N, C-alpha and C. Protein backbone atom coordinates (compact mmCIF):
# COMPACT_ATOMS: atom_id res chain seq x y z
N MET A 1 85.29 127.21 102.57
CA MET A 1 86.50 126.07 102.11
C MET A 1 86.14 124.98 102.88
N THR A 2 85.64 124.87 104.46
CA THR A 2 85.63 123.89 104.97
C THR A 2 84.51 122.83 104.53
N GLU A 3 83.37 122.98 103.76
CA GLU A 3 82.79 122.22 103.12
C GLU A 3 83.73 121.52 102.12
N ARG A 4 84.09 122.16 101.48
CA ARG A 4 84.98 121.34 100.41
C ARG A 4 85.97 120.28 100.95
N SER A 5 86.70 120.58 102.08
CA SER A 5 87.55 119.87 102.78
C SER A 5 86.77 118.75 103.06
N GLN A 6 85.44 118.44 103.89
CA GLN A 6 84.98 117.45 104.37
C GLN A 6 84.58 116.61 103.08
N ILE A 7 84.19 117.25 101.97
CA ILE A 7 83.85 116.48 100.70
C ILE A 7 85.04 115.73 100.14
N ALA A 8 86.25 116.32 100.31
CA ALA A 8 87.29 116.07 99.83
C ALA A 8 87.81 114.61 100.53
N THR A 9 87.43 114.81 102.13
CA THR A 9 87.69 113.37 103.05
C THR A 9 86.69 112.45 102.92
N SER A 10 85.57 112.80 102.22
CA SER A 10 84.66 111.86 102.00
C SER A 10 85.04 110.69 100.79
N PHE A 11 85.35 111.76 99.47
CA PHE A 11 85.91 110.91 98.45
C PHE A 11 87.42 110.11 98.93
N LEU A 12 88.04 110.71 99.78
CA LEU A 12 89.53 110.10 99.62
C LEU A 12 89.66 110.00 101.30
N PRO A 13 90.45 108.89 101.56
CA PRO A 13 90.76 108.63 102.90
C PRO A 13 91.51 109.36 103.54
N LEU A 14 92.08 110.31 102.88
CA LEU A 14 93.29 111.10 103.48
C LEU A 14 93.17 112.81 102.79
N PRO A 15 92.64 113.73 103.57
CA PRO A 15 92.61 115.28 102.55
C PRO A 15 94.00 115.49 102.25
N GLY A 16 95.05 114.77 101.79
CA GLY A 16 95.96 115.18 101.20
C GLY A 16 96.58 114.00 100.21
N SER A 17 95.92 112.75 100.20
CA SER A 17 96.00 111.56 99.33
C SER A 17 96.39 112.04 97.94
N ALA A 18 95.23 112.67 97.27
CA ALA A 18 95.03 113.07 95.75
C ALA A 18 94.20 114.29 95.63
N PRO A 19 94.68 115.55 96.12
CA PRO A 19 94.07 116.69 95.64
C PRO A 19 93.19 117.05 94.47
N VAL A 20 93.58 116.40 93.39
CA VAL A 20 93.19 116.18 92.23
C VAL A 20 91.95 115.93 91.82
N GLU A 21 91.42 114.62 92.81
CA GLU A 21 90.50 113.83 92.47
C GLU A 21 89.53 114.68 92.67
N TRP A 22 89.58 115.51 94.18
CA TRP A 22 88.45 115.87 94.76
C TRP A 22 88.02 117.16 94.01
N VAL A 23 89.11 117.53 93.14
CA VAL A 23 89.26 119.15 92.47
C VAL A 23 88.24 118.64 91.13
N ILE A 24 88.74 117.37 90.64
CA ILE A 24 87.41 116.96 89.47
C ILE A 24 86.22 116.41 89.86
N GLU A 25 85.55 116.30 91.02
CA GLU A 25 84.68 115.79 91.53
C GLU A 25 84.26 116.45 92.82
N PRO A 26 83.72 117.58 92.61
CA PRO A 26 83.52 118.30 93.71
C PRO A 26 82.31 117.62 94.94
């Protein structure tokens, strides 16, 4: 799950700004 966290941070400025976006684009 750590890898997905890093990817989410890459797509979003904060890993809690929009969890739905990183879910749609993993």
